[in-house]
Amino acid sequence: MMQAKYRMTVEQNIFVAKRNIIDYIWKSAKLEGFAVTYPDTEAIFNGISVPGIKVAEVVGVNNLKHAWQFILDNLDYPIDLNYICKINQLVGGDNLIVQAAQIREELLEITAIENPTDKAITLMLYLMRKQMFLDGNKRTAMLSGNQVLISSGCGIISIPIEHQRTFTGLLVQYYESNDATEIKSFIYDYCIDGIQFDPVHEAEQDQPEQELDDEQER
């Protein structure tokens, strides 16, 4: 069973996602082979034109921005095929090409997984391998996994630049074998981001005020 790497409130997890959103978008763009730097991504995100960047890549970054905003605004909605199709539409895919009835059944099995970290990673890998859409499958899959993870306060899936080659190699192995054991472990070990907010430390910070109140009462 996968232990949660992070235990945050949903509000804390949203805070972390929003604080690092440009970094997550940049890493997703790089995974797709976009020739954008972090400063390019930041400029595009903020609506500033960047010379020398292909129009398709500018659109791709903006689409990721809108898709991220959508999932962060709609964390209360249970993930299902309609939700996943909406994410794909936002990242620029918008073409379901696989039989929907079968996918709905398989998604019900995945969403029944109780452990949120396992559910998020399983969902992401399933959608990547299923290749449901003509375009944007990896982006759609990762955002779908993140909707599950963030809505449970368990972190954010993001593939660090230095691990993207290894991740891609493991993904190819998984596509060929349908054995997700190795890639699941890799994602868990290297590709979940978050902050361990310290409730003990916060409680200690609150303590002096309580002691002061006690002194005043005496």
N, C-alpha and C. Protein backbone atom coordinates (compact mmCIF):
# COMPACT_ATOMS: atom_id res chain seq x y z
N MET A 1 0.84 -1.20 0.00
CA MET A 1 0.00 0.00 0.00
C MET A 1 0.87 1.25 0.00
N MET A 2 0.54 2.22 -0.84
CA MET A 2 1.33 3.45 -0.93
C MET A 2 0.94 4.42 0.18
N GLN A 3 1.88 4.72 1.06
CA GLN A 3 1.63 5.75 2.07
C GLN A 3 1.61 7.12 1.37
N ALA A 4 0.80 8.02 1.85
CA ALA A 4 0.80 9.38 1.29
C ALA A 4 2.16 10.03 1.57
N LYS A 5 2.79 10.58 0.53
CA LYS A 5 4.08 11.26 0.74
C LYS A 5 3.89 12.58 1.47
N TYR A 6 2.74 13.18 1.28
CA TYR A 6 2.42 14.46 1.95
C TYR A 6 1.02 14.37 2.53
N ARG A 7 0.85 14.98 3.67
CA ARG A 7 -0.48 15.05 4.29
C ARG A 7 -0.80 16.52 4.51
N MET A 8 -1.47 17.09 3.54
CA MET A 8 -1.83 18.50 3.60
C MET A 8 -3.35 18.63 3.63
N THR A 9 -3.84 19.77 4.07
CA THR A 9 -5.24 20.07 3.83
C THR A 9 -5.38 20.38 2.34
N VAL A 10 -6.59 20.31 1.83
CA VAL A 10 -6.80 20.65 0.41
C VAL A 10 -6.36 22.09 0.16
N GLU A 11 -6.64 22.99 1.11
CA GLU A 11 -6.25 24.41 0.97
C GLU A 11 -4.73 24.55 0.88
N GLN A 12 -4.01 23.80 1.71
CA GLN A 12 -2.54 23.84 1.67
C GLN A 12 -2.03 23.31 0.34
N ASN A 13 -2.65 22.23 -0.14
CA ASN A 13 -2.22 21.63 -1.41
C ASN A 13 -2.48 22.58 -2.58
N ILE A 14 -3.62 23.27 -2.56
CA ILE A 14 -3.92 24.26 -3.61
C ILE A 14 -2.89 25.39 -3.55
N PHE A 15 -2.54 25.82 -2.34
CA PHE A 15 -1.54 26.88 -2.16
C PHE A 15 -0.21 26.48 -2.82
N VAL A 16 0.23 25.24 -2.56
CA VAL A 16 1.50 24.75 -3.14
C VAL A 16 1.39 24.68 -4.67
N ALA A 17 0.26 24.18 -5.16
CA ALA A 17 0.07 24.07 -6.62
C ALA A 17 0.12 25.44 -7.28
N LYS A 18 -0.57 26.41 -6.69
CA LYS A 18 -0.60 27.76 -7.29
C LYS A 18 0.77 28.42 -7.20
N ARG A 19 1.47 28.19 -6.10
CA ARG A 19 2.79 28.82 -5.92
C ARG A 19 3.80 28.31 -6.96
N ASN A 20 3.67 27.03 -7.34
CA ASN A 20 4.64 26.40 -8.24
C ASN A 20 4.08 26.12 -9.63
N ILE A 21 2.94 26.71 -9.95
CA ILE A 21 2.22 26.32 -11.17
C ILE A 21 3.04 26.53 -12.45
N ILE A 22 3.83 27.59 -12.51
CA ILE A 22 4.63 27.84 -13.72
C ILE A 22 5.68 26.74 -13.89
N ASP A 23 6.27 26.31 -12.77
CA ASP A 23 7.24 25.22 -12.80
C ASP A 23 6.59 23.93 -13.30
N TYR A 24 5.40 23.61 -12.81
CA TYR A 24 4.72 22.39 -13.25
C TYR A 24 4.36 22.46 -14.73
N ILE A 25 3.91 23.62 -15.18
CA ILE A 25 3.57 23.79 -16.61
C ILE A 25 4.82 23.65 -17.47
N TRP A 26 5.91 24.26 -17.04
CA TRP A 26 7.17 24.17 -17.79
C TRP A 26 7.62 22.72 -17.92
N LYS A 27 7.57 21.97 -16.80
CA LYS A 27 8.02 20.57 -16.84
C LYS A 27 7.11 19.73 -17.73
N SER A 28 5.80 19.99 -17.71
CA SER A 28 4.88 19.28 -18.61
C SER A 28 5.19 19.62 -20.07
N ALA A 29 5.46 20.88 -20.33
CA ALA A 29 5.78 21.31 -21.70
C ALA A 29 7.07 20.64 -22.19
N LYS A 30 8.06 20.56 -21.32
CA LYS A 30 9.34 19.92 -21.69
C LYS A 30 9.13 18.42 -21.96
N LEU A 31 8.27 17.80 -21.16
CA LEU A 31 7.97 16.37 -21.35
C LEU A 31 7.35 16.13 -22.73
N GLU A 32 6.62 17.12 -23.23
CA GLU A 32 6.00 17.04 -24.57
C GLU A 32 6.99 17.42 -25.67
N GLY A 33 8.19 17.85 -25.29
CA GLY A 33 9.19 18.23 -26.29
C GLY A 33 9.14 19.68 -26.72
N PHE A 34 8.42 20.51 -25.97
CA PHE A 34 8.37 21.95 -26.29
C PHE A 34 9.74 22.58 -26.03
N ALA A 35 10.16 23.46 -26.93
CA ALA A 35 11.46 24.13 -26.78
C ALA A 35 11.28 25.44 -26.01
N VAL A 36 10.82 25.34 -24.77
CA VAL A 36 10.61 26.54 -23.95
C VAL A 36 11.46 26.46 -22.68
N THR A 37 11.99 27.60 -22.27
CA THR A 37 12.72 27.68 -21.00
C THR A 37 11.72 28.04 -19.89
N TYR A 38 12.19 27.99 -18.66
CA TYR A 38 11.33 28.43 -17.55
C TYR A 38 10.93 29.90 -17.72
N PRO A 39 11.90 30.82 -18.03
CA PRO A 39 11.51 32.23 -18.24
C PRO A 39 10.51 32.41 -19.40
N ASP A 40 10.67 31.61 -20.48
CA ASP A 40 9.69 31.65 -21.58
C ASP A 40 8.30 31.30 -21.06
N THR A 41 8.24 30.21 -20.29
CA THR A 41 6.96 29.72 -19.76
C THR A 41 6.33 30.77 -18.86
N GLU A 42 7.15 31.38 -18.01
CA GLU A 42 6.65 32.41 -17.09
C GLU A 42 6.08 33.60 -17.87
N ALA A 43 6.80 34.01 -18.91
CA ALA A 43 6.34 35.15 -19.73
C ALA A 43 5.02 34.82 -20.43
N ILE A 44 4.95 33.63 -21.03
CA ILE A 44 3.71 33.22 -21.72
C ILE A 44 2.55 33.16 -20.72
N PHE A 45 2.81 32.58 -19.56
CA PHE A 45 1.79 32.47 -18.50
C PHE A 45 1.24 33.85 -18.13
N ASN A 46 2.13 34.84 -18.12
CA ASN A 46 1.74 36.20 -17.73
C ASN A 46 1.29 37.06 -18.91
N GLY A 47 1.12 36.44 -20.09
CA GLY A 47 0.58 37.15 -21.24
C GLY A 47 1.57 38.03 -21.98
N ILE A 48 2.87 37.77 -21.77
CA ILE A 48 3.91 38.56 -22.44
C ILE A 48 4.39 37.80 -23.67
N SER A 49 4.51 38.49 -24.80
CA SER A 49 4.95 37.80 -26.02
C SER A 49 6.44 37.48 -25.93
N VAL A 50 6.79 36.28 -26.44
CA VAL A 50 8.18 35.81 -26.38
C VAL A 50 8.67 35.59 -27.81
N PRO A 51 9.66 36.36 -28.25
CA PRO A 51 10.16 36.19 -29.62
C PRO A 51 10.84 34.83 -29.80
N GLY A 52 10.67 34.26 -30.98
CA GLY A 52 11.38 33.03 -31.31
C GLY A 52 10.71 31.75 -30.84
N ILE A 53 9.55 31.85 -30.20
CA ILE A 53 8.83 30.66 -29.76
C ILE A 53 7.71 30.35 -30.76
N LYS A 54 7.59 29.07 -31.13
CA LYS A 54 6.55 28.68 -32.09
C LYS A 54 5.16 28.98 -31.52
N VAL A 55 4.28 29.39 -32.41
CA VAL A 55 2.90 29.70 -32.01
C VAL A 55 2.27 28.48 -31.31
N ALA A 56 2.50 27.29 -31.85
CA ALA A 56 1.92 26.07 -31.28
C ALA A 56 2.37 25.87 -29.83
N GLU A 57 3.61 26.26 -29.54
CA GLU A 57 4.13 26.08 -28.18
C GLU A 57 3.56 27.12 -27.22
N VAL A 58 3.37 28.34 -27.73
CA VAL A 58 2.71 29.39 -26.92
C VAL A 58 1.29 28.94 -26.58
N VAL A 59 0.58 28.44 -27.60
CA VAL A 59 -0.79 27.94 -27.39
C VAL A 59 -0.77 26.77 -26.41
N GLY A 60 0.20 25.88 -26.55
CA GLY A 60 0.31 24.71 -25.67
C GLY A 60 0.49 25.10 -24.21
N VAL A 61 1.34 26.10 -23.96
CA VAL A 61 1.57 26.57 -22.59
C VAL A 61 0.30 27.23 -22.05
N ASN A 62 -0.33 28.06 -22.85
CA ASN A 62 -1.58 28.71 -22.42
C ASN A 62 -2.68 27.69 -22.14
N ASN A 63 -2.73 26.65 -22.96
CA ASN A 63 -3.73 25.60 -22.74
C ASN A 63 -3.48 24.88 -21.40
N LEU A 64 -2.22 24.62 -21.09
CA LEU A 64 -1.89 23.99 -19.81
C LEU A 64 -2.29 24.89 -18.64
N LYS A 65 -2.06 26.18 -18.81
CA LYS A 65 -2.47 27.16 -17.78
C LYS A 65 -3.98 27.07 -17.53
N HIS A 66 -4.76 27.05 -18.60
CA HIS A 66 -6.22 27.01 -18.46
C HIS A 66 -6.69 25.68 -17.88
N ALA A 67 -6.03 24.59 -18.27
CA ALA A 67 -6.40 23.27 -17.74
C ALA A 67 -6.09 23.18 -16.25
N TRP A 68 -4.94 23.72 -15.84
CA TRP A 68 -4.59 23.75 -14.41
C TRP A 68 -5.62 24.58 -13.63
N GLN A 69 -5.98 25.72 -14.17
CA GLN A 69 -6.97 26.57 -13.49
C GLN A 69 -8.30 25.84 -13.36
N PHE A 70 -8.65 25.08 -14.39
CA PHE A 70 -9.90 24.32 -14.36
C PHE A 70 -9.88 23.28 -13.24
N ILE A 71 -8.80 22.49 -13.15
CA ILE A 71 -8.83 21.44 -12.10
C ILE A 71 -8.78 22.06 -10.71
N LEU A 72 -8.04 23.15 -10.53
CA LEU A 72 -7.97 23.77 -9.20
C LEU A 72 -9.30 24.41 -8.81
N ASP A 73 -10.08 24.81 -9.79
CA ASP A 73 -11.41 25.38 -9.52
C ASP A 73 -12.49 24.31 -9.38
N ASN A 74 -12.16 23.06 -9.74
CA ASN A 74 -13.17 22.00 -9.77
C ASN A 74 -12.68 20.73 -9.07
N LEU A 75 -12.08 20.90 -7.91
CA LEU A 75 -11.56 19.75 -7.16
C LEU A 75 -12.67 18.95 -6.48
N ASP A 76 -13.82 19.56 -6.26
CA ASP A 76 -14.92 18.88 -5.57
C ASP A 76 -15.65 17.89 -6.47
N TYR A 77 -15.43 18.03 -7.76
CA TYR A 77 -16.17 17.20 -8.72
C TYR A 77 -15.46 15.85 -8.88
N PRO A 78 -16.17 14.73 -8.66
CA PRO A 78 -15.51 13.41 -8.79
C PRO A 78 -15.02 13.19 -10.22
N ILE A 79 -13.82 12.67 -10.35
CA ILE A 79 -13.25 12.49 -11.68
C ILE A 79 -13.99 11.37 -12.42
N ASP A 80 -14.39 11.65 -13.66
CA ASP A 80 -15.04 10.65 -14.50
C ASP A 80 -14.69 10.97 -15.96
N LEU A 81 -15.28 10.22 -16.88
CA LEU A 81 -14.91 10.38 -18.29
C LEU A 81 -15.21 11.79 -18.80
N ASN A 82 -16.35 12.35 -18.40
CA ASN A 82 -16.69 13.71 -18.86
C ASN A 82 -15.65 14.72 -18.40
N TYR A 83 -15.22 14.58 -17.15
CA TYR A 83 -14.21 15.48 -16.57
C TYR A 83 -12.90 15.34 -17.35
N ILE A 84 -12.50 14.09 -17.62
CA ILE A 84 -11.24 13.83 -18.34
C ILE A 84 -11.31 14.40 -19.76
N CYS A 85 -12.47 14.25 -20.40
CA CYS A 85 -12.64 14.82 -21.75
C CYS A 85 -12.55 16.34 -21.73
N LYS A 86 -13.07 16.96 -20.68
CA LYS A 86 -12.98 18.42 -20.55
C LYS A 86 -11.52 18.85 -20.40
N ILE A 87 -10.75 18.11 -19.59
CA ILE A 87 -9.32 18.42 -19.45
C ILE A 87 -8.63 18.32 -20.80
N ASN A 88 -8.93 17.25 -21.55
CA ASN A 88 -8.31 17.07 -22.86
C ASN A 88 -8.67 18.19 -23.82
N GLN A 89 -9.93 18.63 -23.75
CA GLN A 89 -10.36 19.75 -24.59
C GLN A 89 -9.54 21.00 -24.25
N LEU A 90 -9.31 21.22 -22.97
CA LEU A 90 -8.57 22.41 -22.53
C LEU A 90 -7.10 22.36 -22.92
N VAL A 91 -6.50 21.17 -22.91
CA VAL A 91 -5.09 21.10 -23.32
C VAL A 91 -4.93 21.09 -24.84
N GLY A 92 -6.06 21.03 -25.56
CA GLY A 92 -5.99 21.15 -27.02
C GLY A 92 -6.18 19.86 -27.77
N GLY A 93 -6.68 18.82 -27.12
CA GLY A 93 -6.90 17.54 -27.81
C GLY A 93 -8.28 17.49 -28.45
N ASP A 94 -9.32 17.30 -27.61
CA ASP A 94 -10.73 17.43 -28.02
C ASP A 94 -11.19 16.37 -29.00
N ASN A 95 -10.61 15.17 -28.97
CA ASN A 95 -11.09 14.09 -29.83
C ASN A 95 -10.99 12.76 -29.12
N LEU A 96 -12.11 12.26 -28.62
CA LEU A 96 -12.15 10.94 -28.00
C LEU A 96 -12.17 9.90 -29.11
N ILE A 97 -11.22 8.95 -29.07
CA ILE A 97 -11.13 8.00 -30.19
C ILE A 97 -11.32 6.55 -29.75
N VAL A 98 -11.51 6.30 -28.45
CA VAL A 98 -11.65 4.93 -27.96
C VAL A 98 -13.07 4.75 -27.44
N GLN A 99 -13.53 3.51 -27.45
CA GLN A 99 -14.90 3.20 -27.02
C GLN A 99 -15.17 3.68 -25.59
N ALA A 100 -16.17 4.53 -25.44
CA ALA A 100 -16.42 5.17 -24.15
C ALA A 100 -16.94 4.21 -23.08
N ALA A 101 -17.80 3.25 -23.47
CA ALA A 101 -18.42 2.35 -22.48
C ALA A 101 -17.37 1.54 -21.73
N GLN A 102 -16.39 1.04 -22.46
CA GLN A 102 -15.32 0.25 -21.85
C GLN A 102 -14.49 1.11 -20.90
N ILE A 103 -14.19 2.33 -21.33
CA ILE A 103 -13.40 3.25 -20.49
C ILE A 103 -14.13 3.56 -19.19
N ARG A 104 -15.44 3.80 -19.29
CA ARG A 104 -16.23 4.11 -18.09
C ARG A 104 -16.13 2.98 -17.06
N GLU A 105 -16.21 1.74 -17.54
CA GLU A 105 -16.10 0.58 -16.64
C GLU A 105 -14.72 0.53 -15.98
N GLU A 106 -13.68 0.72 -16.79
CA GLU A 106 -12.31 0.66 -16.26
C GLU A 106 -12.05 1.81 -15.30
N LEU A 107 -12.61 2.98 -15.59
CA LEU A 107 -12.45 4.13 -14.69
C LEU A 107 -13.13 3.89 -13.34
N LEU A 108 -14.27 3.20 -13.35
CA LEU A 108 -14.96 2.89 -12.10
C LEU A 108 -14.07 2.03 -11.19
N GLU A 109 -13.36 1.08 -11.80
CA GLU A 109 -12.44 0.23 -11.02
C GLU A 109 -11.32 1.07 -10.41
N ILE A 110 -10.78 1.98 -11.20
CA ILE A 110 -9.66 2.81 -10.72
C ILE A 110 -10.12 3.77 -9.64
N THR A 111 -11.28 4.41 -9.84
CA THR A 111 -11.76 5.39 -8.86
C THR A 111 -12.24 4.72 -7.58
N ALA A 112 -12.39 3.40 -7.60
CA ALA A 112 -12.75 2.67 -6.38
C ALA A 112 -11.54 2.40 -5.49
N ILE A 113 -10.34 2.65 -6.00
CA ILE A 113 -9.12 2.48 -5.18
C ILE A 113 -9.18 3.47 -4.02
N GLU A 114 -9.01 2.98 -2.80
CA GLU A 114 -9.19 3.84 -1.63
C GLU A 114 -7.99 4.76 -1.38
N ASN A 115 -6.80 4.24 -1.63
CA ASN A 115 -5.59 5.02 -1.37
C ASN A 115 -5.43 6.11 -2.43
N PRO A 116 -5.49 7.40 -2.05
CA PRO A 116 -5.49 8.48 -3.05
C PRO A 116 -4.22 8.54 -3.89
N THR A 117 -3.06 8.27 -3.28
CA THR A 117 -1.79 8.32 -4.03
C THR A 117 -1.75 7.22 -5.08
N ASP A 118 -2.13 6.02 -4.67
CA ASP A 118 -2.19 4.89 -5.61
C ASP A 118 -3.23 5.16 -6.70
N LYS A 119 -4.38 5.68 -6.31
CA LYS A 119 -5.44 5.98 -7.28
C LYS A 119 -4.96 7.00 -8.31
N ALA A 120 -4.30 8.06 -7.85
CA ALA A 120 -3.84 9.12 -8.75
C ALA A 120 -2.81 8.61 -9.76
N ILE A 121 -1.84 7.85 -9.26
CA ILE A 121 -0.79 7.33 -10.15
C ILE A 121 -1.37 6.29 -11.11
N THR A 122 -2.24 5.41 -10.59
CA THR A 122 -2.87 4.38 -11.43
C THR A 122 -3.70 5.03 -12.54
N LEU A 123 -4.47 6.06 -12.18
CA LEU A 123 -5.30 6.77 -13.17
C LEU A 123 -4.42 7.41 -14.23
N MET A 124 -3.37 8.09 -13.81
CA MET A 124 -2.49 8.76 -14.76
C MET A 124 -1.88 7.75 -15.75
N LEU A 125 -1.36 6.65 -15.23
CA LEU A 125 -0.71 5.67 -16.10
C LEU A 125 -1.72 4.98 -17.02
N TYR A 126 -2.90 4.69 -16.50
CA TYR A 126 -3.95 4.09 -17.32
C TYR A 126 -4.29 4.99 -18.51
N LEU A 127 -4.47 6.28 -18.24
CA LEU A 127 -4.84 7.21 -19.31
C LEU A 127 -3.70 7.42 -20.30
N MET A 128 -2.46 7.39 -19.82
CA MET A 128 -1.32 7.52 -20.74
C MET A 128 -1.26 6.33 -21.69
N ARG A 129 -1.47 5.13 -21.14
CA ARG A 129 -1.36 3.92 -21.97
C ARG A 129 -2.57 3.74 -22.88
N LYS A 130 -3.73 4.18 -22.41
CA LYS A 130 -4.98 3.98 -23.17
C LYS A 130 -5.00 4.78 -24.47
N GLN A 131 -4.27 5.92 -24.48
CA GLN A 131 -4.23 6.76 -25.70
C GLN A 131 -5.64 7.04 -26.23
N MET A 132 -6.49 7.54 -25.34
CA MET A 132 -7.91 7.77 -25.65
C MET A 132 -8.13 8.87 -26.68
N PHE A 133 -7.18 9.80 -26.76
CA PHE A 133 -7.38 11.01 -27.56
C PHE A 133 -6.36 11.08 -28.69
N LEU A 134 -6.68 11.86 -29.71
CA LEU A 134 -5.75 12.05 -30.82
C LEU A 134 -4.51 12.82 -30.39
N ASP A 135 -4.68 13.68 -29.38
CA ASP A 135 -3.56 14.51 -28.94
C ASP A 135 -3.72 14.83 -27.46
N GLY A 136 -2.61 15.12 -26.80
CA GLY A 136 -2.64 15.60 -25.42
C GLY A 136 -2.85 14.53 -24.37
N ASN A 137 -2.56 13.26 -24.70
CA ASN A 137 -2.84 12.17 -23.76
C ASN A 137 -2.03 12.27 -22.46
N LYS A 138 -0.73 12.55 -22.58
CA LYS A 138 0.11 12.63 -21.37
C LYS A 138 -0.31 13.81 -20.49
N ARG A 139 -0.56 14.96 -21.13
CA ARG A 139 -0.97 16.14 -20.36
C ARG A 139 -2.31 15.90 -19.66
N THR A 140 -3.25 15.32 -20.41
CA THR A 140 -4.56 15.01 -19.84
C THR A 140 -4.43 14.04 -18.67
N ALA A 141 -3.61 13.02 -18.86
CA ALA A 141 -3.42 11.99 -17.83
C ALA A 141 -2.82 12.56 -16.56
N MET A 142 -1.80 13.40 -16.70
CA MET A 142 -1.14 13.95 -15.52
C MET A 142 -2.05 14.92 -14.76
N LEU A 143 -2.79 15.73 -15.49
CA LEU A 143 -3.74 16.65 -14.85
C LEU A 143 -4.86 15.88 -14.14
N SER A 144 -5.31 14.78 -14.74
CA SER A 144 -6.35 13.96 -14.11
C SER A 144 -5.83 13.34 -12.81
N GLY A 145 -4.61 12.83 -12.86
CA GLY A 145 -3.99 12.28 -11.65
C GLY A 145 -3.84 13.35 -10.58
N ASN A 146 -3.49 14.55 -11.01
CA ASN A 146 -3.32 15.65 -10.05
C ASN A 146 -4.64 16.09 -9.43
N GLN A 147 -5.72 15.99 -10.19
CA GLN A 147 -7.02 16.33 -9.61
C GLN A 147 -7.31 15.41 -8.42
N VAL A 148 -7.02 14.13 -8.57
CA VAL A 148 -7.24 13.15 -7.49
C VAL A 148 -6.30 13.43 -6.32
N LEU A 149 -5.03 13.68 -6.63
CA LEU A 149 -4.02 13.85 -5.57
C LEU A 149 -4.25 15.13 -4.77
N ILE A 150 -4.49 16.23 -5.48
CA ILE A 150 -4.66 17.53 -4.81
C ILE A 150 -5.96 17.54 -4.00
N SER A 151 -7.02 16.94 -4.53
CA SER A 151 -8.29 16.94 -3.81
C SER A 151 -8.23 16.10 -2.55
N SER A 152 -7.15 15.32 -2.40
CA SER A 152 -6.95 14.52 -1.18
C SER A 152 -5.84 15.09 -0.30
N GLY A 153 -5.21 16.19 -0.73
CA GLY A 153 -4.14 16.81 0.06
C GLY A 153 -2.85 16.01 0.08
N CYS A 154 -2.61 15.22 -0.99
CA CYS A 154 -1.46 14.29 -0.99
C CYS A 154 -0.30 14.73 -1.88
N GLY A 155 -0.35 15.96 -2.43
CA GLY A 155 0.78 16.45 -3.22
C GLY A 155 0.43 16.72 -4.67
N ILE A 156 1.48 16.85 -5.49
CA ILE A 156 1.33 17.16 -6.91
C ILE A 156 2.28 16.27 -7.70
N ILE A 157 1.77 15.64 -8.77
CA ILE A 157 2.64 14.86 -9.65
C ILE A 157 3.29 15.80 -10.65
N SER A 158 4.62 15.77 -10.69
CA SER A 158 5.38 16.57 -11.65
C SER A 158 6.67 15.83 -11.95
N ILE A 159 7.02 15.69 -13.23
CA ILE A 159 8.22 14.92 -13.60
C ILE A 159 9.41 15.87 -13.69
N PRO A 160 10.35 15.82 -12.73
CA PRO A 160 11.51 16.72 -12.78
C PRO A 160 12.29 16.56 -14.09
N ILE A 161 12.85 17.66 -14.56
CA ILE A 161 13.58 17.65 -15.84
C ILE A 161 14.65 16.56 -15.86
N GLU A 162 15.40 16.43 -14.74
CA GLU A 162 16.51 15.48 -14.71
C GLU A 162 16.05 14.02 -14.72
N HIS A 163 14.76 13.78 -14.48
CA HIS A 163 14.24 12.41 -14.48
C HIS A 163 13.35 12.11 -15.68
N GLN A 164 13.21 13.07 -16.60
CA GLN A 164 12.25 12.88 -17.70
C GLN A 164 12.67 11.78 -18.68
N ARG A 165 13.97 11.66 -18.92
CA ARG A 165 14.42 10.61 -19.84
C ARG A 165 14.14 9.22 -19.26
N THR A 166 14.44 9.06 -17.97
CA THR A 166 14.18 7.78 -17.30
C THR A 166 12.68 7.50 -17.29
N PHE A 167 11.90 8.52 -16.96
CA PHE A 167 10.43 8.35 -16.92
C PHE A 167 9.92 7.89 -18.28
N THR A 168 10.38 8.52 -19.36
CA THR A 168 9.92 8.17 -20.71
C THR A 168 10.29 6.73 -21.05
N GLY A 169 11.51 6.32 -20.67
CA GLY A 169 11.94 4.93 -20.90
C GLY A 169 11.06 3.94 -20.16
N LEU A 170 10.75 4.25 -18.90
CA LEU A 170 9.88 3.38 -18.10
C LEU A 170 8.45 3.35 -18.66
N LEU A 171 8.02 4.50 -19.20
CA LEU A 171 6.68 4.58 -19.79
C LEU A 171 6.58 3.68 -21.02
N VAL A 172 7.62 3.66 -21.84
CA VAL A 172 7.64 2.79 -23.02
C VAL A 172 7.57 1.32 -22.59
N GLN A 173 8.34 0.97 -21.56
CA GLN A 173 8.30 -0.40 -21.03
C GLN A 173 6.89 -0.76 -20.56
N TYR A 174 6.26 0.19 -19.87
CA TYR A 174 4.90 -0.03 -19.36
C TYR A 174 3.89 -0.17 -20.51
N TYR A 175 4.04 0.66 -21.55
CA TYR A 175 3.15 0.55 -22.72
C TYR A 175 3.23 -0.85 -23.32
N GLU A 176 4.45 -1.39 -23.37
CA GLU A 176 4.66 -2.69 -24.03
C GLU A 176 4.23 -3.87 -23.16
N SER A 177 4.41 -3.74 -21.83
CA SER A 177 4.18 -4.88 -20.93
C SER A 177 2.87 -4.82 -20.15
N ASN A 178 2.33 -3.60 -19.98
CA ASN A 178 1.18 -3.34 -19.10
C ASN A 178 1.50 -3.68 -17.64
N ASP A 179 2.78 -3.76 -17.32
CA ASP A 179 3.20 -3.96 -15.92
C ASP A 179 3.67 -2.61 -15.39
N ALA A 180 2.89 -2.05 -14.46
CA ALA A 180 3.16 -0.69 -13.98
C ALA A 180 4.03 -0.65 -12.73
N THR A 181 4.48 -1.82 -12.25
CA THR A 181 5.17 -1.88 -10.95
C THR A 181 6.35 -0.92 -10.88
N GLU A 182 7.24 -0.99 -11.86
CA GLU A 182 8.48 -0.21 -11.82
C GLU A 182 8.22 1.29 -11.98
N ILE A 183 7.38 1.65 -12.93
CA ILE A 183 7.12 3.07 -13.17
C ILE A 183 6.33 3.69 -12.01
N LYS A 184 5.44 2.91 -11.38
CA LYS A 184 4.72 3.41 -10.20
C LYS A 184 5.68 3.77 -9.08
N SER A 185 6.61 2.87 -8.81
CA SER A 185 7.61 3.12 -7.76
C SER A 185 8.45 4.34 -8.09
N PHE A 186 8.82 4.48 -9.36
CA PHE A 186 9.63 5.62 -9.79
C PHE A 186 8.88 6.94 -9.58
N ILE A 187 7.61 6.97 -9.99
CA ILE A 187 6.80 8.19 -9.81
C ILE A 187 6.68 8.52 -8.33
N TYR A 188 6.42 7.51 -7.52
CA TYR A 188 6.27 7.72 -6.08
C TYR A 188 7.56 8.29 -5.47
N ASP A 189 8.70 7.73 -5.89
CA ASP A 189 9.99 8.13 -5.29
C ASP A 189 10.47 9.50 -5.77
N TYR A 190 10.22 9.84 -7.04
CA TYR A 190 10.87 11.01 -7.64
C TYR A 190 9.94 12.09 -8.18
N CYS A 191 8.65 11.80 -8.30
CA CYS A 191 7.79 12.70 -9.08
C CYS A 191 6.57 13.22 -8.33
N ILE A 192 6.59 13.18 -6.99
CA ILE A 192 5.50 13.77 -6.22
C ILE A 192 6.06 14.93 -5.42
N ASP A 193 5.49 16.10 -5.63
CA ASP A 193 5.96 17.34 -5.01
C ASP A 193 4.99 17.78 -3.93
N GLY A 194 5.48 18.54 -2.97
CA GLY A 194 4.60 19.06 -1.93
C GLY A 194 5.40 19.71 -0.82
N ILE A 195 4.72 20.13 0.21
CA ILE A 195 5.35 20.70 1.40
C ILE A 195 4.79 19.97 2.61
N GLN A 196 5.70 19.56 3.50
CA GLN A 196 5.25 18.92 4.73
C GLN A 196 4.97 20.01 5.76
N PHE A 197 3.76 20.51 5.78
CA PHE A 197 3.40 21.51 6.78
C PHE A 197 3.47 20.84 8.15
N ASP A 198 4.02 21.54 9.12
CA ASP A 198 4.32 20.93 10.41
C ASP A 198 3.29 21.35 11.45
N PRO A 199 2.31 20.51 11.74
CA PRO A 199 1.29 20.89 12.73
C PRO A 199 1.84 21.05 14.13
N VAL A 200 2.91 20.29 14.46
CA VAL A 200 3.52 20.38 15.79
C VAL A 200 4.14 21.76 15.98
N HIS A 201 4.87 22.20 14.94
CA HIS A 201 5.52 23.51 15.00
C HIS A 201 4.48 24.62 15.13
N GLU A 202 3.39 24.48 14.38
CA GLU A 202 2.33 25.49 14.45
C GLU A 202 1.71 25.52 15.84
N ALA A 203 1.56 24.33 16.44
CA ALA A 203 0.99 24.26 17.80
C ALA A 203 1.91 24.95 18.80
N GLU A 204 3.23 24.75 18.61
CA GLU A 204 4.20 25.40 19.50
C GLU A 204 4.15 26.92 19.37
N GLN A 205 3.95 27.39 18.13
CA GLN A 205 3.87 28.84 17.92
C GLN A 205 2.64 29.42 18.63
N ASP A 206 1.59 28.63 18.72
CA ASP A 206 0.36 29.10 19.38
C ASP A 206 0.49 29.11 20.91
N GLN A 207 1.44 28.32 21.43
CA GLN A 207 1.54 28.12 22.86
C GLN A 207 1.78 29.40 23.69
N PRO A 208 2.73 30.27 23.30
CA PRO A 208 3.00 31.45 24.13
C PRO A 208 1.77 32.32 24.37
N GLU A 209 0.90 32.44 23.35
CA GLU A 209 -0.32 33.25 23.52
C GLU A 209 -1.20 32.65 24.61
N GLN A 210 -1.29 31.33 24.63
CA GLN A 210 -2.11 30.65 25.63
C GLN A 210 -1.54 30.89 27.02
N GLU A 211 -0.18 30.78 27.13
CA GLU A 211 0.47 30.99 28.43
C GLU A 211 0.26 32.42 28.91
N LEU A 212 0.30 33.37 27.97
CA LEU A 212 0.10 34.78 28.31
C LEU A 212 -1.32 34.99 28.84
N ASP A 213 -2.29 34.34 28.19
CA ASP A 213 -3.67 34.44 28.67
C ASP A 213 -3.80 33.89 30.08
N ASP A 214 -3.10 32.78 30.35
CA ASP A 214 -3.15 32.18 31.69
C ASP A 214 -2.57 33.13 32.73
N GLU A 215 -1.46 33.79 32.36
CA GLU A 215 -0.81 34.73 33.28
C GLU A 215 -1.77 35.89 33.62
N GLN A 216 -2.46 36.38 32.55
CA GLN A 216 -3.36 37.50 32.76
C GLN A 216 -4.55 37.13 33.66
N GLU A 217 -4.98 35.85 33.50
CA GLU A 217 -6.10 35.39 34.32
C GLU A 217 -5.70 35.32 35.79
N ARG A 218 -4.43 34.96 36.05
CA ARG A 218 -3.96 34.91 37.43
C ARG A 218 -3.88 36.31 38.02
